[in-house]
């Protein structure tokens, strides 16, 4: 199992456009094989901060998602609206039980 936490910082004048893309990305990604969870959350205290939380069956499923049409089309548009570089954590199987 792989979990992804991605912090995206969007320029405040672009948030409405970004949220449309986020909804499209979430809807399409939830249909990807091996996707258990794909959500985006808005931070109420930091304007323009959106946090994606994803859960994938394995590394291959996540890689196929990264190669999907919707990911390759939408992510560059989101990146163009960013106020700073996204921070992405890729977390693999639990090490502590």
PDB file of N, CA and C in Angstrom:
ATOM      1  N   UNK A   1       0.840  -1.179   0.000  1.00  0.00           N
ATOM      2  CA  UNK A   1       0.000   0.000   0.000  1.00  0.00           C
ATOM      3  C   UNK A   1       0.884   1.241   0.000  1.00  0.00           C
ATOM      4  N   UNK A   2       0.452   2.236  -0.738  1.00  0.00           N
ATOM      5  CA  UNK A   2       1.176   3.508  -0.810  1.00  0.00           C
ATOM      6  C   UNK A   2       0.198   4.641  -0.500  1.00  0.00           C
ATOM      7  N   UNK A   3       0.638   5.555   0.327  1.00  0.00           N
ATOM      8  CA  UNK A   3      -0.142   6.761   0.601  1.00  0.00           C
ATOM      9  C   UNK A   3       0.654   7.954   0.098  1.00  0.00           C
ATOM     10  N   UNK A   4      -0.057   8.912  -0.478  1.00  0.00           N
ATOM     11  CA  UNK A   4       0.552  10.130  -0.988  1.00  0.00           C
ATOM     12  C   UNK A   4      -0.095  11.306  -0.272  1.00  0.00           C
ATOM     13  N   UNK A   5       0.725  12.228   0.181  1.00  0.00           N
ATOM     14  CA  UNK A   5       0.242  13.496   0.713  1.00  0.00           C
ATOM     15  C   UNK A   5       0.927  14.581  -0.102  1.00  0.00           C
ATOM     16  N   UNK A   6       0.142  15.372  -0.792  1.00  0.00           N
ATOM     17  CA  UNK A   6       0.702  16.413  -1.663  1.00  0.00           C
ATOM     18  C   UNK A   6       0.121  17.766  -1.282  1.00  0.00           C
ATOM     19  N   UNK A   7       1.005  18.674  -0.907  1.00  0.00           N
ATOM     20  CA  UNK A   7       0.594  20.040  -0.574  1.00  0.00           C
ATOM     21  C   UNK A   7       0.760  20.899  -1.817  1.00  0.00           C
ATOM     22  N   UNK A   8      -0.318  21.534  -2.229  1.00  0.00           N
ATOM     23  CA  UNK A   8      -0.301  22.411  -3.400  1.00  0.00           C
ATOM     24  C   UNK A   8      -0.648  23.824  -2.957  1.00  0.00           C
ATOM     25  N   UNK A   9       0.183  24.766  -3.330  1.00  0.00           N
ATOM     26  CA  UNK A   9      -0.009  26.170  -2.995  1.00  0.00           C
ATOM     27  C   UNK A   9      -0.414  26.910  -4.265  1.00  0.00           C
ATOM     28  N   UNK A  10      -1.638  27.399  -4.285  1.00  0.00           N
ATOM     29  CA  UNK A  10      -2.205  28.046  -5.465  1.00  0.00           C
ATOM     30  C   UNK A  10      -2.296  29.555  -5.211  1.00  0.00           C
ATOM     31  N   UNK A  11      -1.930  30.339  -6.233  1.00  0.00           N
ATOM     32  CA  UNK A  11      -2.085  31.794  -6.111  1.00  0.00           C
ATOM     33  C   UNK A  11      -3.562  32.095  -5.810  1.00  0.00           C
ATOM     34  N   UNK A  12      -3.792  32.994  -4.878  1.00  0.00           N
ATOM     35  CA  UNK A  12      -5.163  33.241  -4.412  1.00  0.00           C
ATOM     36  C   UNK A  12      -6.092  33.717  -5.527  1.00  0.00           C
ATOM     37  N   UNK A  13      -5.558  34.378  -6.542  1.00  0.00           N
ATOM     38  CA  UNK A  13      -6.424  34.822  -7.638  1.00  0.00           C
ATOM     39  C   UNK A  13      -6.741  33.686  -8.615  1.00  0.00           C
ATOM     40  N   UNK A  14      -6.174  32.511  -8.398  1.00  0.00           N
ATOM     41  CA  UNK A  14      -6.387  31.355  -9.285  1.00  0.00           C
ATOM     42  C   UNK A  14      -7.173  30.224  -8.621  1.00  0.00           C
ATOM     43  N   UNK A  15      -7.582  30.389  -7.358  1.00  0.00           N
ATOM     44  CA  UNK A  15      -8.185  29.265  -6.634  1.00  0.00           C
ATOM     45  C   UNK A  15      -9.476  28.763  -7.272  1.00  0.00           C
ATOM     46  N   UNK A  16     -10.303  29.637  -7.810  1.00  0.00           N
ATOM     47  CA  UNK A  16     -11.556  29.180  -8.425  1.00  0.00           C
ATOM     48  C   UNK A  16     -11.280  28.269  -9.615  1.00  0.00           C
ATOM     49  N   UNK A  17     -10.330  28.646 -10.455  1.00  0.00           N
ATOM     50  CA  UNK A  17      -9.956  27.818 -11.605  1.00  0.00           C
ATOM     51  C   UNK A  17      -9.329  26.506 -11.135  1.00  0.00           C
ATOM     52  N   UNK A  18      -8.473  26.599 -10.136  1.00  0.00           N
ATOM     53  CA  UNK A  18      -7.804  25.403  -9.630  1.00  0.00           C
ATOM     54  C   UNK A  18      -8.810  24.414  -9.046  1.00  0.00           C
ATOM     55  N   UNK A  19      -9.796  24.908  -8.325  1.00  0.00           N
ATOM     56  CA  UNK A  19     -10.779  24.014  -7.713  1.00  0.00           C
ATOM     57  C   UNK A  19     -11.573  23.246  -8.764  1.00  0.00           C
ATOM     58  N   UNK A  20     -11.827  23.852  -9.908  1.00  0.00           N
ATOM     59  CA  UNK A  20     -12.497  23.139 -11.004  1.00  0.00           C
ATOM     60  C   UNK A  20     -11.615  21.981 -11.465  1.00  0.00           C
ATOM     61  N   UNK A  21     -10.330  22.255 -11.640  1.00  0.00           N
ATOM     62  CA  UNK A  21      -9.396  21.207 -12.051  1.00  0.00           C
ATOM     63  C   UNK A  21      -9.249  20.135 -10.973  1.00  0.00           C
ATOM     64  N   UNK A  22      -9.225  20.540  -9.708  1.00  0.00           N
ATOM     65  CA  UNK A  22      -9.135  19.563  -8.619  1.00  0.00           C
ATOM     66  C   UNK A  22     -10.314  18.601  -8.657  1.00  0.00           C
ATOM     67  N   UNK A  23     -11.518  19.132  -8.851  1.00  0.00           N
ATOM     68  CA  UNK A  23     -12.709  18.269  -8.899  1.00  0.00           C
ATOM     69  C   UNK A  23     -12.606  17.272 -10.048  1.00  0.00           C
ATOM     70  N   UNK A  24     -12.147  17.747 -11.204  1.00  0.00           N
ATOM     71  CA  UNK A  24     -11.996  16.857 -12.356  1.00  0.00           C
ATOM     72  C   UNK A  24     -10.937  15.785 -12.081  1.00  0.00           C
ATOM     73  N   UNK A  25      -9.816  16.187 -11.516  1.00  0.00           N
ATOM     74  CA  UNK A  25      -8.738  15.249 -11.221  1.00  0.00           C
ATOM     75  C   UNK A  25      -9.180  14.196 -10.205  1.00  0.00           C
ATOM     76  N   UNK A  26      -9.866  14.622  -9.161  1.00  0.00           N
ATOM     77  CA  UNK A  26     -10.332  13.687  -8.141  1.00  0.00           C
ATOM     78  C   UNK A  26     -11.318  12.684  -8.747  1.00  0.00           C
ATOM     79  N   UNK A  27     -12.288  13.165  -9.505  1.00  0.00           N
ATOM     80  CA  UNK A  27     -13.293  12.270 -10.087  1.00  0.00           C
ATOM     81  C   UNK A  27     -12.643  11.232 -11.007  1.00  0.00           C
ATOM     82  N   UNK A  28     -11.731  11.665 -11.852  1.00  0.00           N
ATOM     83  CA  UNK A  28     -11.076  10.737 -12.783  1.00  0.00           C
ATOM     84  C   UNK A  28     -10.142   9.784 -12.046  1.00  0.00           C
ATOM     85  N   UNK A  29      -9.399  10.281 -11.072  1.00  0.00           N
ATOM     86  CA  UNK A  29      -8.419   9.458 -10.364  1.00  0.00           C
ATOM     87  C   UNK A  29      -9.074   8.376  -9.524  1.00  0.00           C
ATOM     88  N   UNK A  30     -10.238   8.661  -8.972  1.00  0.00           N
ATOM     89  CA  UNK A  30     -10.946   7.657  -8.179  1.00  0.00           C
ATOM     90  C   UNK A  30     -11.341   6.444  -9.019  1.00  0.00           C
ATOM     91  N   UNK A  31     -11.382   6.608 -10.330  1.00  0.00           N
ATOM     92  CA  UNK A  31     -11.718   5.503 -11.235  1.00  0.00           C
ATOM     93  C   UNK A  31     -10.484   4.709 -11.660  1.00  0.00           C
ATOM     94  N   UNK A  32      -9.295   5.211 -11.356  1.00  0.00           N
ATOM     95  CA  UNK A  32      -8.070   4.514 -11.731  1.00  0.00           C
ATOM     96  C   UNK A  32      -7.957   3.188 -10.980  1.00  0.00           C
ATOM     97  N   UNK A  33      -7.527   2.131 -11.674  1.00  0.00           N
ATOM     98  CA  UNK A  33      -7.328   0.846 -10.997  1.00  0.00           C
ATOM     99  C   UNK A  33      -6.334   0.986  -9.848  1.00  0.00           C
ATOM    100  N   UNK A  34      -6.660   0.400  -8.717  1.00  0.00           N
ATOM    101  CA  UNK A  34      -5.772   0.430  -7.564  1.00  0.00           C
ATOM    102  C   UNK A  34      -5.914   1.646  -6.673  1.00  0.00           C
ATOM    103  N   UNK A  35      -6.835   2.552  -7.015  1.00  0.00           N
ATOM    104  CA  UNK A  35      -7.055   3.743  -6.182  1.00  0.00           C
ATOM    105  C   UNK A  35      -8.056   3.411  -5.073  1.00  0.00           C
ATOM    106  N   UNK A  36      -7.612   3.513  -3.828  1.00  0.00           N
ATOM    107  CA  UNK A  36      -8.499   3.295  -2.686  1.00  0.00           C
ATOM    108  C   UNK A  36      -9.065   4.611  -2.156  1.00  0.00           C
ATOM    109  N   UNK A  37      -8.280   5.671  -2.274  1.00  0.00           N
ATOM    110  CA  UNK A  37      -8.721   6.982  -1.781  1.00  0.00           C
ATOM    111  C   UNK A  37      -8.026   8.076  -2.584  1.00  0.00           C
ATOM    112  N   UNK A  38      -8.779   9.128  -2.875  1.00  0.00           N
ATOM    113  CA  UNK A  38      -8.215  10.281  -3.571  1.00  0.00           C
ATOM    114  C   UNK A  38      -9.073  11.479  -3.187  1.00  0.00           C
ATOM    115  N   UNK A  39      -8.548  12.316  -2.319  1.00  0.00           N
ATOM    116  CA  UNK A  39      -9.299  13.461  -1.810  1.00  0.00           C
ATOM    117  C   UNK A  39      -8.426  14.705  -1.822  1.00  0.00           C
ATOM    118  N   UNK A  40      -9.075  15.848  -1.882  1.00  0.00           N
ATOM    119  CA  UNK A  40      -8.351  17.109  -1.750  1.00  0.00           C
ATOM    120  C   UNK A  40      -9.038  17.925  -0.663  1.00  0.00           C
ATOM    121  N   UNK A  41      -8.233  18.528   0.182  1.00  0.00           N
ATOM    122  CA  UNK A  41      -8.727  19.312   1.311  1.00  0.00           C
ATOM    123  C   UNK A  41      -8.170  20.725   1.210  1.00  0.00           C
ATOM    124  N   UNK A  42      -8.979  21.689   1.601  1.00  0.00           N
ATOM    125  CA  UNK A  42      -8.582  23.096   1.586  1.00  0.00           C
ATOM    126  C   UNK A  42      -8.223  23.499   3.016  1.00  0.00           C
ATOM    127  N   UNK A  43      -7.085  24.124   3.166  1.00  0.00           N
ATOM    128  CA  UNK A  43      -6.658  24.611   4.475  1.00  0.00           C
ATOM    129  C   UNK A  43      -7.376  25.925   4.763  1.00  0.00           C
ATOM    130  N   UNK A  44      -8.056  26.007   5.890  1.00  0.00           N
ATOM    131  CA  UNK A  44      -8.801  27.214   6.246  1.00  0.00           C
ATOM    132  C   UNK A  44      -7.905  28.345   6.749  1.00  0.00           C
ATOM    133  N   UNK A  45      -6.691  28.009   7.160  1.00  0.00           N
ATOM    134  CA  UNK A  45      -5.813  29.021   7.740  1.00  0.00           C
ATOM    135  C   UNK A  45      -4.754  29.549   6.771  1.00  0.00           C
ATOM    136  N   UNK A  46      -4.461  28.790   5.739  1.00  0.00           N
ATOM    137  CA  UNK A  46      -3.435  29.206   4.769  1.00  0.00           C
ATOM    138  C   UNK A  46      -4.108  29.387   3.411  1.00  0.00           C
ATOM    139  N   UNK A  47      -4.331  30.629   2.994  1.00  0.00           N
ATOM    140  CA  UNK A  47      -4.994  30.863   1.711  1.00  0.00           C
ATOM    141  C   UNK A  47      -4.239  30.208   0.560  1.00  0.00           C
ATOM    142  N   UNK A  48      -4.973  29.464  -0.249  1.00  0.00           N
ATOM    143  CA  UNK A  48      -4.387  28.835  -1.424  1.00  0.00           C
ATOM    144  C   UNK A  48      -3.723  27.491  -1.179  1.00  0.00           C
ATOM    145  N   UNK A  49      -3.759  26.978   0.048  1.00  0.00           N
ATOM    146  CA  UNK A  49      -3.158  25.681   0.340  1.00  0.00           C
ATOM    147  C   UNK A  49      -4.212  24.581   0.216  1.00  0.00           C
ATOM    148  N   UNK A  50      -3.907  23.605  -0.642  1.00  0.00           N
ATOM    149  CA  UNK A  50      -4.765  22.441  -0.849  1.00  0.00           C
ATOM    150  C   UNK A  50      -3.917  21.203  -0.625  1.00  0.00           C
ATOM    151  N   UNK A  51      -4.462  20.247   0.110  1.00  0.00           N
ATOM    152  CA  UNK A  51      -3.724  19.031   0.427  1.00  0.00           C
ATOM    153  C   UNK A  51      -4.458  17.827  -0.159  1.00  0.00           C
ATOM    154  N   UNK A  52      -3.760  17.113  -1.033  1.00  0.00           N
ATOM    155  CA  UNK A  52      -4.288  15.878  -1.594  1.00  0.00           C
ATOM    156  C   UNK A  52      -3.858  14.721  -0.707  1.00  0.00           C
ATOM    157  N   UNK A  53      -4.790  13.807  -0.451  1.00  0.00           N
ATOM    158  CA  UNK A  53      -4.491  12.581   0.281  1.00  0.00           C
ATOM    159  C   UNK A  53      -4.941  11.427  -0.604  1.00  0.00           C
ATOM    160  N   UNK A  54      -3.982  10.583  -0.935  1.00  0.00           N
ATOM    161  CA  UNK A  54      -4.231   9.475  -1.853  1.00  0.00           C
ATOM    162  C   UNK A  54      -3.803   8.168  -1.208  1.00  0.00           C
ATOM    163  N   UNK A  55      -4.480   7.100  -1.598  1.00  0.00           N
ATOM    164  CA  UNK A  55      -4.080   5.772  -1.164  1.00  0.00           C
ATOM    165  C   UNK A  55      -4.182   4.840  -2.361  1.00  0.00           C
ATOM    166  N   UNK A  56      -3.090   4.130  -2.632  1.00  0.00           N
ATOM    167  CA  UNK A  56      -2.988   3.247  -3.801  1.00  0.00           C
ATOM    168  C   UNK A  56      -2.636   1.840  -3.351  1.00  0.00           C
ATOM    169  N   UNK A  57      -3.091   0.870  -4.125  1.00  0.00           N
ATOM    170  CA  UNK A  57      -2.837  -0.528  -3.785  1.00  0.00           C
ATOM    171  C   UNK A  57      -1.347  -0.854  -3.783  1.00  0.00           C
ATOM    172  N   UNK A  58      -0.619  -0.269  -4.733  1.00  0.00           N
ATOM    173  CA  UNK A  58       0.811  -0.544  -4.828  1.00  0.00           C
ATOM    174  C   UNK A  58       1.486   0.501  -5.718  1.00  0.00           C
ATOM    175  N   UNK A  59       2.792   0.383  -5.836  1.00  0.00           N
ATOM    176  CA  UNK A  59       3.592   1.326  -6.604  1.00  0.00           C
ATOM    177  C   UNK A  59       3.190   1.335  -8.091  1.00  0.00           C
ATOM    178  N   UNK A  60       2.863   0.188  -8.642  1.00  0.00           N
ATOM    179  CA  UNK A  60       2.491   0.098 -10.052  1.00  0.00           C
ATOM    180  C   UNK A  60       1.203   0.868 -10.322  1.00  0.00           C
ATOM    181  N   UNK A  61       0.211   0.718  -9.441  1.00  0.00           N
ATOM    182  CA  UNK A  61      -1.050   1.449  -9.614  1.00  0.00           C
ATOM    183  C   UNK A  61      -0.805   2.954  -9.565  1.00  0.00           C
ATOM    184  N   UNK A  62       0.038   3.390  -8.647  1.00  0.00           N
ATOM    185  CA  UNK A  62       0.341   4.821  -8.549  1.00  0.00           C
ATOM    186  C   UNK A  62       1.086   5.305  -9.785  1.00  0.00           C
ATOM    187  N   UNK A  63       2.009   4.513 -10.291  1.00  0.00           N
ATOM    188  CA  UNK A  63       2.760   4.884 -11.489  1.00  0.00           C
ATOM    189  C   UNK A  63       1.834   5.002 -12.699  1.00  0.00           C
ATOM    190  N   UNK A  64       0.890   4.069 -12.829  1.00  0.00           N
ATOM    191  CA  UNK A  64      -0.062   4.131 -13.945  1.00  0.00           C
ATOM    192  C   UNK A  64      -0.933   5.381 -13.837  1.00  0.00           C
ATOM    193  N   UNK A  65      -1.276   5.760 -12.629  1.00  0.00           N
ATOM    194  CA  UNK A  65      -2.035   6.998 -12.412  1.00  0.00           C
ATOM    195  C   UNK A  65      -1.222   8.190 -12.909  1.00  0.00           C
ATOM    196  N   UNK A  66       0.060   8.229 -12.545  1.00  0.00           N
ATOM    197  CA  UNK A  66       0.928   9.333 -12.972  1.00  0.00           C
ATOM    198  C   UNK A  66       1.077   9.396 -14.492  1.00  0.00           C
ATOM    199  N   UNK A  67       0.858   8.276 -15.158  1.00  0.00           N
ATOM    200  CA  UNK A  67       0.965   8.208 -16.615  1.00  0.00           C
ATOM    201  C   UNK A  67      -0.385   8.373 -17.320  1.00  0.00           C
ATOM    202  N   UNK A  68      -1.447   8.546 -16.552  1.00  0.00           N
ATOM    203  CA  UNK A  68      -2.797   8.642 -17.124  1.00  0.00           C
ATOM    204  C   UNK A  68      -3.000   9.957 -17.881  1.00  0.00           C
ATOM    205  N   UNK A  69      -3.950   9.945 -18.794  1.00  0.00           N
ATOM    206  CA  UNK A  69      -4.267  11.136 -19.585  1.00  0.00           C
ATOM    207  C   UNK A  69      -4.676  12.284 -18.678  1.00  0.00           C
ATOM    208  N   UNK A  70      -5.571  12.015 -17.732  1.00  0.00           N
ATOM    209  CA  UNK A  70      -6.063  13.102 -16.879  1.00  0.00           C
ATOM    210  C   UNK A  70      -4.953  13.703 -16.024  1.00  0.00           C
ATOM    211  N   UNK A  71      -4.057  12.876 -15.505  1.00  0.00           N
ATOM    212  CA  UNK A  71      -2.958  13.394 -14.688  1.00  0.00           C
ATOM    213  C   UNK A  71      -2.016  14.248 -15.539  1.00  0.00           C
ATOM    214  N   UNK A  72      -1.615  13.735 -16.681  1.00  0.00           N
ATOM    215  CA  UNK A  72      -0.683  14.459 -17.554  1.00  0.00           C
ATOM    216  C   UNK A  72      -1.282  15.755 -18.097  1.00  0.00           C
ATOM    217  N   UNK A  73      -2.589  15.812 -18.226  1.00  0.00           N
ATOM    218  CA  UNK A  73      -3.243  17.017 -18.747  1.00  0.00           C
ATOM    219  C   UNK A  73      -3.494  18.042 -17.643  1.00  0.00           C
ATOM    220  N   UNK A  74      -3.930  17.592 -16.485  1.00  0.00           N
ATOM    221  CA  UNK A  74      -4.379  18.507 -15.426  1.00  0.00           C
ATOM    222  C   UNK A  74      -3.224  19.027 -14.567  1.00  0.00           C
ATOM    223  N   UNK A  75      -2.278  18.181 -14.228  1.00  0.00           N
ATOM    224  CA  UNK A  75      -1.200  18.601 -13.319  1.00  0.00           C
ATOM    225  C   UNK A  75      -0.411  19.798 -13.864  1.00  0.00           C
ATOM    226  N   UNK A  76      -0.050  19.841 -15.147  1.00  0.00           N
ATOM    227  CA  UNK A  76       0.651  21.036 -15.638  1.00  0.00           C
ATOM    228  C   UNK A  76      -0.177  22.316 -15.507  1.00  0.00           C
ATOM    229  N   UNK A  77      -1.489  22.201 -15.646  1.00  0.00           N
ATOM    230  CA  UNK A  77      -2.352  23.376 -15.478  1.00  0.00           C
ATOM    231  C   UNK A  77      -2.348  23.839 -14.023  1.00  0.00           C
ATOM    232  N   UNK A  78      -2.399  22.898 -13.100  1.00  0.00           N
ATOM    233  CA  UNK A  78      -2.351  23.232 -11.676  1.00  0.00           C
ATOM    234  C   UNK A  78      -0.986  23.839 -11.329  1.00  0.00           C
ATOM    235  N   UNK A  79       0.073  23.250 -11.852  1.00  0.00           N
ATOM    236  CA  UNK A  79       1.426  23.755 -11.595  1.00  0.00           C
ATOM    237  C   UNK A  79       1.573  25.194 -12.072  1.00  0.00           C
ATOM    238  N   UNK A  80       0.934  25.526 -13.188  1.00  0.00           N
ATOM    239  CA  UNK A  80       1.006  26.892 -13.722  1.00  0.00           C
ATOM    240  C   UNK A  80       0.321  27.905 -12.802  1.00  0.00           C
ATOM    241  N   UNK A  81      -0.578  27.444 -11.944  1.00  0.00           N
ATOM    242  CA  UNK A  81      -1.294  28.322 -11.014  1.00  0.00           C
ATOM    243  C   UNK A  81      -0.624  28.390  -9.641  1.00  0.00           C
ATOM    244  N   UNK A  82       0.437  27.640  -9.464  1.00  0.00           N
ATOM    245  CA  UNK A  82       1.063  27.511  -8.151  1.00  0.00           C
ATOM    246  C   UNK A  82       1.819  28.766  -7.743  1.00  0.00           C
ATOM    247  N   UNK A  83       1.740  29.072  -6.460  1.00  0.00           N
ATOM    248  CA  UNK A  83       2.514  30.181  -5.907  1.00  0.00           C
ATOM    249  C   UNK A  83       3.880  29.703  -5.437  1.00  0.00           C
ATOM    250  N   UNK A  84       4.026  28.400  -5.264  1.00  0.00           N
ATOM    251  CA  UNK A  84       5.312  27.787  -4.945  1.00  0.00           C
ATOM    252  C   UNK A  84       5.243  26.302  -5.279  1.00  0.00           C
ATOM    253  N   UNK A  85       6.383  25.669  -5.278  1.00  0.00           N
ATOM    254  CA  UNK A  85       6.472  24.260  -5.660  1.00  0.00           C
ATOM    255  C   UNK A  85       5.691  23.366  -4.693  1.00  0.00           C
ATOM    256  N   UNK A  86       5.011  22.380  -5.254  1.00  0.00           N
ATOM    257  CA  UNK A  86       4.259  21.432  -4.431  1.00  0.00           C
ATOM    258  C   UNK A  86       5.218  20.593  -3.591  1.00  0.00           C
ATOM    259  N   UNK A  87       4.750  20.180  -2.452  1.00  0.00           N
ATOM    260  CA  UNK A  87       5.505  19.271  -1.579  1.00  0.00           C
ATOM    261  C   UNK A  87       4.768  17.939  -1.598  1.00  0.00           C
ATOM    262  N   UNK A  88       5.460  16.878  -1.997  1.00  0.00           N
ATOM    263  CA  UNK A  88       4.831  15.566  -2.127  1.00  0.00           C
ATOM    264  C   UNK A  88       5.552  14.558  -1.247  1.00  0.00           C
ATOM    265  N   UNK A  89       4.790  13.890  -0.394  1.00  0.00           N
ATOM    266  CA  UNK A  89       5.321  12.808   0.437  1.00  0.00           C
ATOM    267  C   UNK A  89       4.757  11.494  -0.095  1.00  0.00           C
ATOM    268  N   UNK A  90       5.627  10.535  -0.340  1.00  0.00           N
ATOM    269  CA  UNK A  90       5.202   9.210  -0.774  1.00  0.00           C
ATOM    270  C   UNK A  90       5.529   8.263   0.368  1.00  0.00           C
ATOM    271  N   UNK A  91       4.487   7.710   0.976  1.00  0.00           N
ATOM    272  CA  UNK A  91       4.637   6.887   2.172  1.00  0.00           C
ATOM    273  C   UNK A  91       4.314   5.444   1.833  1.00  0.00           C
ATOM    274  N   UNK A  92       5.245   4.554   2.130  1.00  0.00           N
ATOM    275  CA  UNK A  92       5.076   3.134   1.830  1.00  0.00           C
ATOM    276  C   UNK A  92       4.572   2.409   3.083  1.00  0.00           C
ATOM    277  N   UNK A  93       4.523   1.115   3.013  1.00  0.00           N
ATOM    278  CA  UNK A  93       3.962   0.296   4.080  1.00  0.00           C
ATOM    279  C   UNK A  93       4.401   0.751   5.464  1.00  0.00           C
ATOM    280  N   UNK A  94       3.542   0.462   6.430  1.00  0.00           N
ATOM    281  CA  UNK A  94       3.829   0.811   7.819  1.00  0.00           C
ATOM    282  C   UNK A  94       5.101   0.131   8.301  1.00  0.00           C
ATOM    283  N   UNK A  95       5.868   0.833   9.099  1.00  0.00           N
ATOM    284  CA  UNK A  95       7.042   0.230   9.714  1.00  0.00           C
ATOM    285  C   UNK A  95       6.821   0.013  11.203  1.00  0.00           C
ATOM    286  N   UNK A  96       5.854   0.722  11.758  1.00  0.00           N
ATOM    287  CA  UNK A  96       5.523   0.566  13.175  1.00  0.00           C
ATOM    288  C   UNK A  96       4.076   0.085  13.261  1.00  0.00           C
ATOM    289  N   UNK A  97       3.843  -0.872  14.099  1.00  0.00           N
ATOM    290  CA  UNK A  97       2.487  -1.413  14.250  1.00  0.00           C
ATOM    291  C   UNK A  97       1.953  -1.045  15.606  1.00  0.00           C
TER     292      UNK A  97
END
